[in-house]
Amino acid sequence: MAEDTEIPQGQGAYRRLLEEIRNGTLAPGARLRETELAERLGISRTPVREAIRQLETDGLVMHLPRQGATIRSLDHAEVVELYEMRAVLEGTAARLAARAASDVELAELAALNAELEVISVGSAAREVNRVFHRTLIETARNRFLIKSMSALQRTLLILGPSTLADPERARAAVAEHAAVLAALQMRDGAGAEAAMRAHVEAALSARIRGMRGREFPMGDEA
């Protein structure tokens, strides 16, 4: 990949492994063998080792007896706790965005949600959804909130492919985004926060159903 030639190999390996965790190629419980990864990525073991250490620092990898470096699994309580924090952070971001977002930024958010409605499901939809949430968080104009949300999102990567794989959930997410946007356009901070919290709570409910194996695999935010 051209990107990897422009950055240190360790950082390039880290980004590629992050993406494989996000798309489910490296699922919870998967072992990270340095030799195999180095061969597959076409690099030496040293940058692979650096990447694994960074993933461990992020809380995505743990060392298990007789297994070595392994992608972490999250239990039910941890998933709930993650979504509780997501509701706090993204709810706050929505409240701040109601005050700080420009009309151009609000128009961009509306355009992204309209695009998500058309695409509905699949990898393209998941990417548009991520951009929507990232854009909203950035419009809050709070560097510390952005940093905290970035750390939380890295942990959410363990959950793998998105719940937007379910068409019904995808349609609901678009409607929930629209409720957030309506409050933002009215500059209603409290309303925007409440709508975002409701969206995150709905995403958690979908996640729990996925954990029970009823509808679809667990995945990143929707």
N, C-alpha and C. Protein backbone atom coordinates (compact mmCIF):
# COMPACT_ATOMS: atom_id res chain seq x y z
N MET A 1 0.83 -1.20 0.00
CA MET A 1 0.00 0.00 0.00
C MET A 1 0.87 1.25 0.00
N ALA A 2 0.44 2.24 -0.78
CA ALA A 2 1.24 3.45 -0.88
C ALA A 2 1.34 4.17 0.45
N GLU A 3 0.26 4.10 1.22
CA GLU A 3 0.23 4.78 2.53
C GLU A 3 1.37 4.30 3.41
N ASP A 4 1.65 2.96 3.36
CA ASP A 4 2.66 2.41 4.24
C ASP A 4 4.06 2.86 3.88
N THR A 5 4.29 3.30 2.60
CA THR A 5 5.61 3.76 2.21
C THR A 5 5.85 5.19 2.68
N GLU A 6 4.81 5.88 3.09
CA GLU A 6 4.93 7.27 3.48
C GLU A 6 5.01 7.45 5.00
N ILE A 7 4.83 6.36 5.74
CA ILE A 7 4.88 6.42 7.19
C ILE A 7 5.76 5.29 7.70
N PRO A 8 6.26 5.37 8.94
CA PRO A 8 7.07 4.28 9.49
C PRO A 8 6.34 2.95 9.38
N GLN A 9 7.10 1.88 9.14
CA GLN A 9 6.48 0.57 8.95
C GLN A 9 5.65 0.13 10.15
N GLY A 10 6.14 0.44 11.35
CA GLY A 10 5.38 0.06 12.54
C GLY A 10 4.02 0.72 12.56
N GLN A 11 3.95 2.01 12.20
CA GLN A 11 2.68 2.72 12.17
C GLN A 11 1.80 2.20 11.05
N GLY A 12 2.43 1.87 9.91
CA GLY A 12 1.66 1.30 8.81
C GLY A 12 1.05 -0.03 9.18
N ALA A 13 1.83 -0.87 9.87
CA ALA A 13 1.32 -2.17 10.31
C ALA A 13 0.20 -1.99 11.32
N TYR A 14 0.36 -1.02 12.21
CA TYR A 14 -0.66 -0.73 13.22
C TYR A 14 -1.98 -0.35 12.56
N ARG A 15 -1.92 0.52 11.56
CA ARG A 15 -3.14 0.95 10.88
C ARG A 15 -3.81 -0.20 10.14
N ARG A 16 -3.01 -1.04 9.52
CA ARG A 16 -3.58 -2.17 8.78
C ARG A 16 -4.23 -3.17 9.72
N LEU A 17 -3.61 -3.40 10.87
CA LEU A 17 -4.21 -4.32 11.84
C LEU A 17 -5.48 -3.72 12.44
N LEU A 18 -5.48 -2.42 12.66
CA LEU A 18 -6.69 -1.75 13.14
C LEU A 18 -7.84 -1.97 12.16
N GLU A 19 -7.55 -1.81 10.87
CA GLU A 19 -8.59 -1.98 9.86
C GLU A 19 -9.07 -3.43 9.83
N GLU A 20 -8.17 -4.38 10.03
CA GLU A 20 -8.57 -5.78 10.03
C GLU A 20 -9.41 -6.12 11.26
N ILE A 21 -9.15 -5.43 12.36
CA ILE A 21 -10.00 -5.60 13.54
C ILE A 21 -11.38 -5.00 13.26
N ARG A 22 -11.40 -3.84 12.63
CA ARG A 22 -12.66 -3.16 12.33
C ARG A 22 -13.54 -4.00 11.39
N ASN A 23 -12.93 -4.57 10.33
CA ASN A 23 -13.75 -5.29 9.36
C ASN A 23 -14.00 -6.75 9.73
N GLY A 24 -13.45 -7.17 10.87
CA GLY A 24 -13.71 -8.52 11.35
C GLY A 24 -12.75 -9.58 10.88
N THR A 25 -11.74 -9.19 10.07
CA THR A 25 -10.73 -10.16 9.64
C THR A 25 -9.99 -10.72 10.85
N LEU A 26 -9.68 -9.83 11.81
CA LEU A 26 -9.11 -10.25 13.09
C LEU A 26 -10.22 -10.14 14.13
N ALA A 27 -10.83 -11.26 14.44
CA ALA A 27 -11.96 -11.29 15.36
C ALA A 27 -11.48 -11.48 16.80
N PRO A 28 -12.34 -11.16 17.78
CA PRO A 28 -11.98 -11.43 19.18
C PRO A 28 -11.53 -12.87 19.36
N GLY A 29 -10.41 -13.04 20.07
CA GLY A 29 -9.85 -14.36 20.30
C GLY A 29 -8.78 -14.75 19.29
N ALA A 30 -8.65 -13.96 18.19
CA ALA A 30 -7.64 -14.28 17.18
C ALA A 30 -6.24 -14.06 17.74
N ARG A 31 -5.33 -15.00 17.47
CA ARG A 31 -3.95 -14.89 17.92
C ARG A 31 -3.14 -14.08 16.92
N LEU A 32 -2.24 -13.25 17.44
CA LEU A 32 -1.38 -12.41 16.61
C LEU A 32 0.04 -12.99 16.64
N ARG A 33 0.35 -13.78 15.64
CA ARG A 33 1.68 -14.40 15.55
C ARG A 33 2.57 -13.51 14.71
N GLU A 34 3.66 -13.04 15.31
CA GLU A 34 4.53 -12.08 14.63
C GLU A 34 5.02 -12.58 13.28
N THR A 35 5.47 -13.83 13.23
CA THR A 35 6.03 -14.36 11.99
C THR A 35 4.99 -14.39 10.89
N GLU A 36 3.79 -14.87 11.19
CA GLU A 36 2.73 -14.95 10.19
C GLU A 36 2.31 -13.56 9.71
N LEU A 37 2.16 -12.63 10.65
CA LEU A 37 1.76 -11.27 10.28
C LEU A 37 2.83 -10.58 9.44
N ALA A 38 4.09 -10.76 9.82
CA ALA A 38 5.19 -10.15 9.06
C ALA A 38 5.19 -10.66 7.63
N GLU A 39 4.98 -11.95 7.46
CA GLU A 39 4.96 -12.54 6.11
C GLU A 39 3.76 -12.02 5.32
N ARG A 40 2.61 -11.96 5.95
CA ARG A 40 1.42 -11.50 5.25
C ARG A 40 1.48 -10.03 4.88
N LEU A 41 2.06 -9.21 5.76
CA LEU A 41 2.15 -7.77 5.51
C LEU A 41 3.39 -7.40 4.69
N GLY A 42 4.28 -8.36 4.50
CA GLY A 42 5.48 -8.10 3.70
C GLY A 42 6.49 -7.20 4.38
N ILE A 43 6.60 -7.32 5.71
CA ILE A 43 7.55 -6.51 6.47
C ILE A 43 8.27 -7.41 7.47
N SER A 44 9.24 -6.83 8.18
CA SER A 44 9.98 -7.61 9.18
C SER A 44 9.16 -7.74 10.46
N ARG A 45 9.65 -8.56 11.37
CA ARG A 45 8.92 -8.79 12.62
C ARG A 45 8.97 -7.57 13.55
N THR A 46 10.00 -6.74 13.44
CA THR A 46 10.14 -5.60 14.36
C THR A 46 8.97 -4.64 14.27
N PRO A 47 8.58 -4.15 13.07
CA PRO A 47 7.42 -3.25 13.03
C PRO A 47 6.12 -3.94 13.43
N VAL A 48 6.01 -5.26 13.17
CA VAL A 48 4.83 -6.00 13.61
C VAL A 48 4.76 -6.00 15.13
N ARG A 49 5.92 -6.22 15.77
CA ARG A 49 5.97 -6.22 17.22
C ARG A 49 5.58 -4.85 17.77
N GLU A 50 6.03 -3.77 17.11
CA GLU A 50 5.67 -2.42 17.52
C GLU A 50 4.16 -2.20 17.41
N ALA A 51 3.58 -2.70 16.32
CA ALA A 51 2.14 -2.54 16.10
C ALA A 51 1.35 -3.28 17.17
N ILE A 52 1.78 -4.48 17.51
CA ILE A 52 1.08 -5.27 18.53
C ILE A 52 1.17 -4.57 19.88
N ARG A 53 2.33 -3.99 20.19
CA ARG A 53 2.47 -3.25 21.44
C ARG A 53 1.51 -2.06 21.49
N GLN A 54 1.35 -1.36 20.36
CA GLN A 54 0.44 -0.22 20.32
C GLN A 54 -1.00 -0.68 20.50
N LEU A 55 -1.35 -1.79 19.88
CA LEU A 55 -2.70 -2.33 20.04
C LEU A 55 -2.96 -2.73 21.49
N GLU A 56 -1.90 -3.23 22.15
CA GLU A 56 -2.04 -3.59 23.56
C GLU A 56 -2.24 -2.33 24.40
N THR A 57 -1.51 -1.26 24.08
CA THR A 57 -1.68 0.01 24.77
C THR A 57 -3.10 0.55 24.59
N ASP A 58 -3.66 0.34 23.40
CA ASP A 58 -5.03 0.78 23.10
C ASP A 58 -6.08 -0.06 23.82
N GLY A 59 -5.66 -1.20 24.38
CA GLY A 59 -6.61 -2.08 25.05
C GLY A 59 -7.30 -3.06 24.12
N LEU A 60 -6.76 -3.20 22.89
CA LEU A 60 -7.38 -4.10 21.92
C LEU A 60 -6.77 -5.49 21.94
N VAL A 61 -5.58 -5.61 22.52
CA VAL A 61 -4.86 -6.87 22.54
C VAL A 61 -4.47 -7.20 23.98
N MET A 62 -4.52 -8.48 24.32
CA MET A 62 -4.07 -8.93 25.62
C MET A 62 -3.20 -10.17 25.43
N HIS A 63 -2.36 -10.47 26.42
CA HIS A 63 -1.51 -11.65 26.36
C HIS A 63 -2.12 -12.74 27.24
N LEU A 64 -2.35 -13.90 26.62
CA LEU A 64 -2.93 -15.04 27.32
C LEU A 64 -1.89 -16.14 27.48
N PRO A 65 -1.93 -16.87 28.60
CA PRO A 65 -0.98 -17.96 28.81
C PRO A 65 -1.04 -18.99 27.69
N ARG A 66 0.12 -19.38 27.17
CA ARG A 66 0.27 -20.38 26.13
C ARG A 66 -0.33 -19.97 24.78
N GLN A 67 -0.83 -18.74 24.69
CA GLN A 67 -1.39 -18.27 23.42
C GLN A 67 -0.69 -17.03 22.91
N GLY A 68 -0.19 -16.20 23.82
CA GLY A 68 0.48 -14.99 23.41
C GLY A 68 -0.50 -13.86 23.13
N ALA A 69 -0.12 -12.94 22.23
CA ALA A 69 -0.95 -11.78 21.91
C ALA A 69 -2.24 -12.22 21.23
N THR A 70 -3.37 -11.75 21.78
CA THR A 70 -4.69 -12.18 21.29
C THR A 70 -5.64 -10.97 21.28
N ILE A 71 -6.48 -10.88 20.25
CA ILE A 71 -7.48 -9.82 20.20
C ILE A 71 -8.45 -10.00 21.36
N ARG A 72 -8.68 -8.93 22.11
CA ARG A 72 -9.54 -9.00 23.28
C ARG A 72 -10.98 -9.30 22.91
N SER A 73 -11.68 -9.92 23.84
CA SER A 73 -13.12 -10.08 23.74
C SER A 73 -13.76 -9.20 24.81
N LEU A 74 -14.93 -8.68 24.51
CA LEU A 74 -15.66 -7.85 25.48
C LEU A 74 -16.88 -8.62 25.98
N ASP A 75 -17.08 -8.62 27.28
CA ASP A 75 -18.27 -9.28 27.80
C ASP A 75 -19.45 -8.30 27.80
N HIS A 76 -20.60 -8.80 28.19
CA HIS A 76 -21.82 -8.00 28.15
C HIS A 76 -21.68 -6.70 28.95
N ALA A 77 -21.12 -6.79 30.16
CA ALA A 77 -20.99 -5.60 31.01
C ALA A 77 -20.08 -4.56 30.37
N GLU A 78 -18.99 -5.00 29.76
CA GLU A 78 -18.07 -4.06 29.12
C GLU A 78 -18.72 -3.36 27.94
N VAL A 79 -19.51 -4.09 27.16
CA VAL A 79 -20.20 -3.48 26.02
C VAL A 79 -21.17 -2.41 26.51
N VAL A 80 -21.92 -2.72 27.56
CA VAL A 80 -22.87 -1.75 28.12
C VAL A 80 -22.13 -0.51 28.62
N GLU A 81 -21.01 -0.73 29.30
CA GLU A 81 -20.23 0.39 29.83
C GLU A 81 -19.69 1.26 28.71
N LEU A 82 -19.23 0.63 27.63
CA LEU A 82 -18.73 1.38 26.48
C LEU A 82 -19.83 2.27 25.91
N TYR A 83 -21.02 1.71 25.76
CA TYR A 83 -22.11 2.49 25.19
C TYR A 83 -22.62 3.56 26.15
N GLU A 84 -22.52 3.32 27.43
CA GLU A 84 -22.86 4.37 28.38
C GLU A 84 -21.93 5.57 28.19
N MET A 85 -20.64 5.30 28.03
CA MET A 85 -19.68 6.40 27.82
C MET A 85 -19.88 7.05 26.46
N ARG A 86 -20.23 6.23 25.46
CA ARG A 86 -20.48 6.79 24.14
C ARG A 86 -21.67 7.74 24.19
N ALA A 87 -22.72 7.37 24.95
CA ALA A 87 -23.89 8.23 25.07
C ALA A 87 -23.52 9.56 25.72
N VAL A 88 -22.67 9.50 26.75
CA VAL A 88 -22.23 10.72 27.43
C VAL A 88 -21.44 11.62 26.47
N LEU A 89 -20.45 11.02 25.78
CA LEU A 89 -19.56 11.82 24.93
C LEU A 89 -20.27 12.34 23.69
N GLU A 90 -20.99 11.47 22.99
CA GLU A 90 -21.65 11.93 21.77
C GLU A 90 -22.86 12.81 22.08
N GLY A 91 -23.51 12.55 23.21
CA GLY A 91 -24.59 13.44 23.62
C GLY A 91 -24.07 14.84 23.89
N THR A 92 -22.94 14.91 24.59
CA THR A 92 -22.30 16.21 24.87
C THR A 92 -21.86 16.87 23.57
N ALA A 93 -21.31 16.08 22.66
CA ALA A 93 -20.87 16.62 21.37
C ALA A 93 -22.05 17.24 20.62
N ALA A 94 -23.19 16.57 20.64
CA ALA A 94 -24.37 17.10 19.96
C ALA A 94 -24.83 18.41 20.59
N ARG A 95 -24.80 18.44 21.93
CA ARG A 95 -25.21 19.68 22.62
C ARG A 95 -24.29 20.84 22.25
N LEU A 96 -22.98 20.59 22.25
CA LEU A 96 -22.02 21.64 21.90
C LEU A 96 -22.12 22.02 20.43
N ALA A 97 -22.39 21.04 19.57
CA ALA A 97 -22.49 21.31 18.14
C ALA A 97 -23.69 22.21 17.83
N ALA A 98 -24.75 22.11 18.62
CA ALA A 98 -25.91 22.96 18.40
C ALA A 98 -25.54 24.43 18.53
N ARG A 99 -24.54 24.69 19.33
CA ARG A 99 -24.06 26.07 19.53
C ARG A 99 -22.95 26.44 18.54
N ALA A 100 -22.06 25.48 18.26
CA ALA A 100 -20.82 25.83 17.54
C ALA A 100 -20.83 25.50 16.05
N ALA A 101 -21.65 24.58 15.61
CA ALA A 101 -21.60 24.15 14.21
C ALA A 101 -22.03 25.26 13.27
N SER A 102 -21.31 25.37 12.15
CA SER A 102 -21.68 26.36 11.13
C SER A 102 -22.81 25.80 10.27
N ASP A 103 -23.45 26.67 9.52
CA ASP A 103 -24.51 26.21 8.61
C ASP A 103 -23.94 25.26 7.56
N VAL A 104 -22.72 25.51 7.13
CA VAL A 104 -22.07 24.64 6.15
C VAL A 104 -21.88 23.24 6.73
N GLU A 105 -21.46 23.17 7.98
CA GLU A 105 -21.25 21.88 8.63
C GLU A 105 -22.57 21.13 8.82
N LEU A 106 -23.61 21.86 9.17
CA LEU A 106 -24.92 21.23 9.32
C LEU A 106 -25.41 20.70 7.98
N ALA A 107 -25.14 21.45 6.91
CA ALA A 107 -25.54 20.99 5.58
C ALA A 107 -24.76 19.73 5.20
N GLU A 108 -23.49 19.66 5.58
CA GLU A 108 -22.68 18.47 5.30
C GLU A 108 -23.22 17.27 6.05
N LEU A 109 -23.61 17.45 7.30
CA LEU A 109 -24.19 16.36 8.07
C LEU A 109 -25.49 15.87 7.42
N ALA A 110 -26.31 16.80 6.97
CA ALA A 110 -27.56 16.43 6.32
C ALA A 110 -27.30 15.66 5.03
N ALA A 111 -26.28 16.09 4.28
CA ALA A 111 -25.92 15.41 3.03
C ALA A 111 -25.42 14.00 3.30
N LEU A 112 -24.63 13.84 4.36
CA LEU A 112 -24.13 12.51 4.71
C LEU A 112 -25.26 11.58 5.10
N ASN A 113 -26.23 12.10 5.86
CA ASN A 113 -27.35 11.24 6.26
C ASN A 113 -28.22 10.88 5.06
N ALA A 114 -28.37 11.81 4.13
CA ALA A 114 -29.13 11.51 2.90
C ALA A 114 -28.42 10.44 2.09
N GLU A 115 -27.09 10.51 2.04
CA GLU A 115 -26.31 9.50 1.33
C GLU A 115 -26.45 8.15 2.01
N LEU A 116 -26.42 8.15 3.35
CA LEU A 116 -26.58 6.90 4.09
C LEU A 116 -27.95 6.27 3.82
N GLU A 117 -28.98 7.10 3.69
CA GLU A 117 -30.32 6.58 3.42
C GLU A 117 -30.39 5.88 2.07
N VAL A 118 -29.64 6.41 1.08
CA VAL A 118 -29.64 5.83 -0.26
C VAL A 118 -28.84 4.53 -0.28
N ILE A 119 -27.65 4.55 0.35
CA ILE A 119 -26.77 3.37 0.34
C ILE A 119 -27.34 2.27 1.20
N SER A 120 -27.86 2.64 2.37
CA SER A 120 -28.53 1.76 3.32
C SER A 120 -27.60 0.80 4.04
N VAL A 121 -27.05 -0.20 3.34
CA VAL A 121 -26.22 -1.21 4.00
C VAL A 121 -24.93 -1.43 3.22
N GLY A 122 -24.01 -2.20 3.83
CA GLY A 122 -22.76 -2.53 3.17
C GLY A 122 -21.60 -1.70 3.69
N SER A 123 -20.40 -1.98 3.17
CA SER A 123 -19.20 -1.30 3.65
C SER A 123 -19.24 0.20 3.37
N ALA A 124 -19.82 0.60 2.24
CA ALA A 124 -19.92 2.03 1.92
C ALA A 124 -20.80 2.74 2.94
N ALA A 125 -21.90 2.09 3.33
CA ALA A 125 -22.79 2.68 4.33
C ALA A 125 -22.08 2.82 5.67
N ARG A 126 -21.31 1.80 6.03
CA ARG A 126 -20.59 1.87 7.31
C ARG A 126 -19.60 3.03 7.30
N GLU A 127 -18.95 3.27 6.17
CA GLU A 127 -17.98 4.36 6.09
C GLU A 127 -18.69 5.71 6.18
N VAL A 128 -19.81 5.86 5.48
CA VAL A 128 -20.56 7.12 5.55
C VAL A 128 -21.04 7.36 6.98
N ASN A 129 -21.48 6.31 7.64
CA ASN A 129 -21.93 6.44 9.02
C ASN A 129 -20.79 6.91 9.93
N ARG A 130 -19.59 6.33 9.74
CA ARG A 130 -18.44 6.76 10.55
C ARG A 130 -18.12 8.23 10.30
N VAL A 131 -18.19 8.64 9.03
CA VAL A 131 -17.89 10.04 8.70
C VAL A 131 -18.94 10.96 9.32
N PHE A 132 -20.19 10.53 9.31
CA PHE A 132 -21.25 11.34 9.92
C PHE A 132 -20.95 11.59 11.40
N HIS A 133 -20.65 10.50 12.13
CA HIS A 133 -20.39 10.64 13.56
C HIS A 133 -19.10 11.44 13.82
N ARG A 134 -18.07 11.19 13.03
CA ARG A 134 -16.83 11.93 13.22
C ARG A 134 -17.03 13.43 12.95
N THR A 135 -17.78 13.74 11.89
CA THR A 135 -18.03 15.14 11.56
C THR A 135 -18.81 15.84 12.67
N LEU A 136 -19.81 15.17 13.21
CA LEU A 136 -20.59 15.77 14.29
C LEU A 136 -19.71 16.04 15.51
N ILE A 137 -18.88 15.08 15.86
CA ILE A 137 -18.00 15.25 17.02
C ILE A 137 -17.04 16.42 16.80
N GLU A 138 -16.52 16.55 15.58
CA GLU A 138 -15.59 17.64 15.29
C GLU A 138 -16.26 19.00 15.36
N THR A 139 -17.56 19.06 15.03
CA THR A 139 -18.25 20.36 15.09
C THR A 139 -18.47 20.84 16.51
N ALA A 140 -18.24 19.98 17.50
CA ALA A 140 -18.39 20.38 18.90
C ALA A 140 -17.31 21.37 19.32
N ARG A 141 -16.19 21.37 18.57
CA ARG A 141 -15.08 22.29 18.84
C ARG A 141 -14.49 22.10 20.25
N ASN A 142 -14.33 20.85 20.65
CA ASN A 142 -13.75 20.57 21.96
C ASN A 142 -12.68 19.50 21.79
N ARG A 143 -11.43 19.91 21.89
CA ARG A 143 -10.32 18.99 21.62
C ARG A 143 -10.26 17.83 22.61
N PHE A 144 -10.62 18.08 23.85
CA PHE A 144 -10.55 17.02 24.85
C PHE A 144 -11.65 15.99 24.63
N LEU A 145 -12.82 16.45 24.22
CA LEU A 145 -13.90 15.52 23.90
C LEU A 145 -13.51 14.67 22.70
N ILE A 146 -12.94 15.29 21.68
CA ILE A 146 -12.51 14.55 20.48
C ILE A 146 -11.49 13.48 20.84
N LYS A 147 -10.54 13.83 21.70
CA LYS A 147 -9.52 12.86 22.12
C LYS A 147 -10.13 11.70 22.89
N SER A 148 -11.06 12.00 23.79
CA SER A 148 -11.72 10.96 24.57
C SER A 148 -12.54 10.05 23.67
N MET A 149 -13.24 10.63 22.70
CA MET A 149 -14.06 9.83 21.80
C MET A 149 -13.20 8.95 20.91
N SER A 150 -12.05 9.45 20.50
CA SER A 150 -11.14 8.67 19.67
C SER A 150 -10.68 7.41 20.40
N ALA A 151 -10.36 7.55 21.69
CA ALA A 151 -9.93 6.40 22.49
C ALA A 151 -11.07 5.39 22.63
N LEU A 152 -12.27 5.88 22.85
CA LEU A 152 -13.43 4.99 22.98
C LEU A 152 -13.70 4.25 21.68
N GLN A 153 -13.59 4.95 20.56
CA GLN A 153 -13.86 4.32 19.27
C GLN A 153 -12.86 3.22 18.95
N ARG A 154 -11.62 3.37 19.41
CA ARG A 154 -10.65 2.29 19.17
C ARG A 154 -11.08 1.02 19.90
N THR A 155 -11.60 1.16 21.11
CA THR A 155 -12.07 -0.02 21.83
C THR A 155 -13.30 -0.61 21.14
N LEU A 156 -14.17 0.23 20.61
CA LEU A 156 -15.36 -0.26 19.91
C LEU A 156 -15.00 -1.08 18.67
N LEU A 157 -13.78 -0.89 18.15
CA LEU A 157 -13.37 -1.65 16.97
C LEU A 157 -13.39 -3.15 17.23
N ILE A 158 -13.19 -3.56 18.48
CA ILE A 158 -13.20 -4.98 18.82
C ILE A 158 -14.51 -5.63 18.41
N LEU A 159 -15.58 -4.84 18.36
CA LEU A 159 -16.89 -5.40 18.05
C LEU A 159 -17.04 -5.77 16.59
N GLY A 160 -16.11 -5.36 15.72
CA GLY A 160 -16.11 -5.83 14.34
C GLY A 160 -17.11 -5.14 13.43
N PRO A 161 -17.61 -5.85 12.38
CA PRO A 161 -18.50 -5.27 11.38
C PRO A 161 -19.75 -4.64 11.98
N SER A 162 -20.25 -3.62 11.31
CA SER A 162 -21.33 -2.79 11.85
C SER A 162 -22.68 -3.48 11.90
N THR A 163 -23.50 -3.04 12.86
CA THR A 163 -24.89 -3.48 12.94
C THR A 163 -25.71 -2.93 11.78
N LEU A 164 -25.14 -2.00 11.00
CA LEU A 164 -25.84 -1.49 9.82
C LEU A 164 -25.99 -2.55 8.75
N ALA A 165 -25.42 -3.74 8.96
CA ALA A 165 -25.64 -4.85 8.04
C ALA A 165 -27.11 -5.25 8.03
N ASP A 166 -27.83 -4.89 9.07
CA ASP A 166 -29.25 -5.20 9.16
C ASP A 166 -30.05 -4.04 8.56
N PRO A 167 -30.81 -4.26 7.47
CA PRO A 167 -31.53 -3.16 6.81
C PRO A 167 -32.48 -2.40 7.73
N GLU A 168 -33.16 -3.10 8.62
CA GLU A 168 -34.08 -2.43 9.54
C GLU A 168 -33.34 -1.48 10.47
N ARG A 169 -32.18 -1.93 10.98
CA ARG A 169 -31.39 -1.08 11.85
C ARG A 169 -30.84 0.11 11.07
N ALA A 170 -30.45 -0.12 9.82
CA ALA A 170 -29.92 0.97 8.99
C ALA A 170 -30.97 2.06 8.79
N ARG A 171 -32.21 1.65 8.50
CA ARG A 171 -33.29 2.63 8.32
C ARG A 171 -33.56 3.40 9.61
N ALA A 172 -33.53 2.68 10.73
CA ALA A 172 -33.77 3.34 12.02
C ALA A 172 -32.66 4.33 12.33
N ALA A 173 -31.40 3.97 12.00
CA ALA A 173 -30.28 4.87 12.27
C ALA A 173 -30.42 6.17 11.49
N VAL A 174 -30.87 6.09 10.24
CA VAL A 174 -31.07 7.29 9.43
C VAL A 174 -32.12 8.20 10.08
N ALA A 175 -33.22 7.60 10.55
CA ALA A 175 -34.27 8.39 11.20
C ALA A 175 -33.77 9.02 12.50
N GLU A 176 -32.94 8.27 13.24
CA GLU A 176 -32.39 8.80 14.49
C GLU A 176 -31.41 9.94 14.21
N HIS A 177 -30.60 9.80 13.16
CA HIS A 177 -29.71 10.90 12.76
C HIS A 177 -30.54 12.14 12.42
N ALA A 178 -31.65 11.91 11.70
CA ALA A 178 -32.49 13.03 11.29
C ALA A 178 -33.03 13.78 12.50
N ALA A 179 -33.37 13.07 13.56
CA ALA A 179 -33.86 13.72 14.78
C ALA A 179 -32.77 14.58 15.41
N VAL A 180 -31.53 14.07 15.39
CA VAL A 180 -30.41 14.86 15.90
C VAL A 180 -30.23 16.11 15.05
N LEU A 181 -30.27 15.94 13.73
CA LEU A 181 -30.08 17.06 12.81
C LEU A 181 -31.16 18.13 12.98
N ALA A 182 -32.39 17.69 13.18
CA ALA A 182 -33.49 18.67 13.37
C ALA A 182 -33.23 19.55 14.58
N ALA A 183 -32.76 18.95 15.66
CA ALA A 183 -32.45 19.73 16.87
C ALA A 183 -31.25 20.64 16.63
N LEU A 184 -30.25 20.15 15.92
CA LEU A 184 -29.08 20.98 15.62
C LEU A 184 -29.48 22.19 14.79
N GLN A 185 -30.32 21.98 13.79
CA GLN A 185 -30.73 23.08 12.93
C GLN A 185 -31.56 24.11 13.67
N MET A 186 -32.22 23.68 14.74
CA MET A 186 -32.98 24.62 15.57
C MET A 186 -32.11 25.24 16.67
N ARG A 187 -30.84 24.82 16.70
CA ARG A 187 -29.89 25.27 17.73
C ARG A 187 -30.40 24.90 19.13
N ASP A 188 -31.02 23.74 19.21
CA ASP A 188 -31.58 23.23 20.46
C ASP A 188 -30.59 22.24 21.06
N GLY A 189 -29.72 22.72 21.95
CA GLY A 189 -28.69 21.88 22.52
C GLY A 189 -29.24 20.72 23.33
N ALA A 190 -30.21 20.99 24.17
CA ALA A 190 -30.78 19.93 25.00
C ALA A 190 -31.47 18.89 24.13
N GLY A 191 -32.17 19.34 23.11
CA GLY A 191 -32.86 18.42 22.22
C GLY A 191 -31.89 17.56 21.43
N ALA A 192 -30.78 18.19 20.98
CA ALA A 192 -29.77 17.45 20.22
C ALA A 192 -29.12 16.38 21.09
N GLU A 193 -28.84 16.74 22.35
CA GLU A 193 -28.23 15.77 23.26
C GLU A 193 -29.18 14.61 23.53
N ALA A 194 -30.45 14.90 23.75
CA ALA A 194 -31.43 13.85 24.02
C ALA A 194 -31.59 12.93 22.82
N ALA A 195 -31.61 13.52 21.62
CA ALA A 195 -31.77 12.72 20.41
C ALA A 195 -30.56 11.82 20.18
N MET A 196 -29.37 12.35 20.46
CA MET A 196 -28.17 11.54 20.28
C MET A 196 -28.10 10.42 21.30
N ARG A 197 -28.48 10.71 22.53
CA ARG A 197 -28.49 9.66 23.55
C ARG A 197 -29.49 8.56 23.17
N ALA A 198 -30.63 8.95 22.62
CA ALA A 198 -31.61 7.95 22.19
C ALA A 198 -31.05 7.10 21.06
N HIS A 199 -30.30 7.72 20.17
CA HIS A 199 -29.67 7.00 19.06
C HIS A 199 -28.66 5.98 19.57
N VAL A 200 -27.84 6.38 20.51
CA VAL A 200 -26.83 5.47 21.07
C VAL A 200 -27.50 4.33 21.83
N GLU A 201 -28.57 4.65 22.56
CA GLU A 201 -29.28 3.60 23.29
C GLU A 201 -29.91 2.58 22.33
N ALA A 202 -30.41 3.06 21.19
CA ALA A 202 -30.97 2.16 20.19
C ALA A 202 -29.87 1.28 19.59
N ALA A 203 -28.69 1.88 19.39
CA ALA A 203 -27.56 1.11 18.87
C ALA A 203 -27.14 0.04 19.87
N LEU A 204 -27.17 0.37 21.16
CA LEU A 204 -26.83 -0.63 22.17
C LEU A 204 -27.84 -1.78 22.16
N SER A 205 -29.10 -1.46 22.03
CA SER A 205 -30.12 -2.52 21.98
C SER A 205 -29.86 -3.45 20.80
N ALA A 206 -29.49 -2.88 19.66
CA ALA A 206 -29.18 -3.69 18.49
C ALA A 206 -27.95 -4.55 18.74
N ARG A 207 -26.98 -3.97 19.42
CA ARG A 207 -25.76 -4.70 19.75
C ARG A 207 -26.06 -5.90 20.66
N ILE A 208 -26.90 -5.68 21.65
CA ILE A 208 -27.23 -6.77 22.57
C ILE A 208 -27.96 -7.89 21.84
N ARG A 209 -28.85 -7.53 20.93
CA ARG A 209 -29.52 -8.56 20.14
C ARG A 209 -28.50 -9.35 19.32
N GLY A 210 -27.51 -8.64 18.79
CA GLY A 210 -26.47 -9.32 18.02
C GLY A 210 -25.66 -10.26 18.89
N MET A 211 -25.37 -9.84 20.11
CA MET A 211 -24.62 -10.69 21.03
C MET A 211 -25.37 -11.97 21.34
N ARG A 212 -26.67 -11.89 21.32
CA ARG A 212 -27.49 -13.07 21.59
C ARG A 212 -27.65 -13.94 20.36
N GLY A 213 -27.10 -13.48 19.24
CA GLY A 213 -27.13 -14.25 18.01
C GLY A 213 -28.47 -14.25 17.30
N ARG A 214 -29.29 -13.25 17.59
CA ARG A 214 -30.64 -13.25 17.01
C ARG A 214 -30.65 -12.69 15.59
N GLU A 215 -29.80 -11.66 15.35
CA GLU A 215 -29.96 -10.99 14.07
C GLU A 215 -28.68 -10.88 13.27
N PHE A 216 -27.59 -10.41 13.88
CA PHE A 216 -26.40 -10.14 13.12
C PHE A 216 -25.21 -10.05 14.05
N PRO A 217 -23.96 -10.12 13.53
CA PRO A 217 -22.78 -10.03 14.38
C PRO A 217 -22.68 -8.65 15.01
N MET A 218 -21.94 -8.57 16.08
CA MET A 218 -21.67 -7.29 16.73
C MET A 218 -20.82 -6.44 15.81
N GLY A 219 -20.87 -5.10 15.95
CA GLY A 219 -20.10 -4.25 15.07
C GLY A 219 -19.93 -2.86 15.58
N ASP A 220 -19.29 -1.98 14.77
CA ASP A 220 -19.03 -0.63 15.25
C ASP A 220 -20.30 0.23 15.21
N GLU A 221 -20.19 1.48 15.62
CA GLU A 221 -21.36 2.29 15.93
C GLU A 221 -22.30 2.45 14.74
N ALA A 222 -23.58 2.61 15.04
CA ALA A 222 -24.60 2.74 13.99
C ALA A 222 -25.49 3.93 14.28
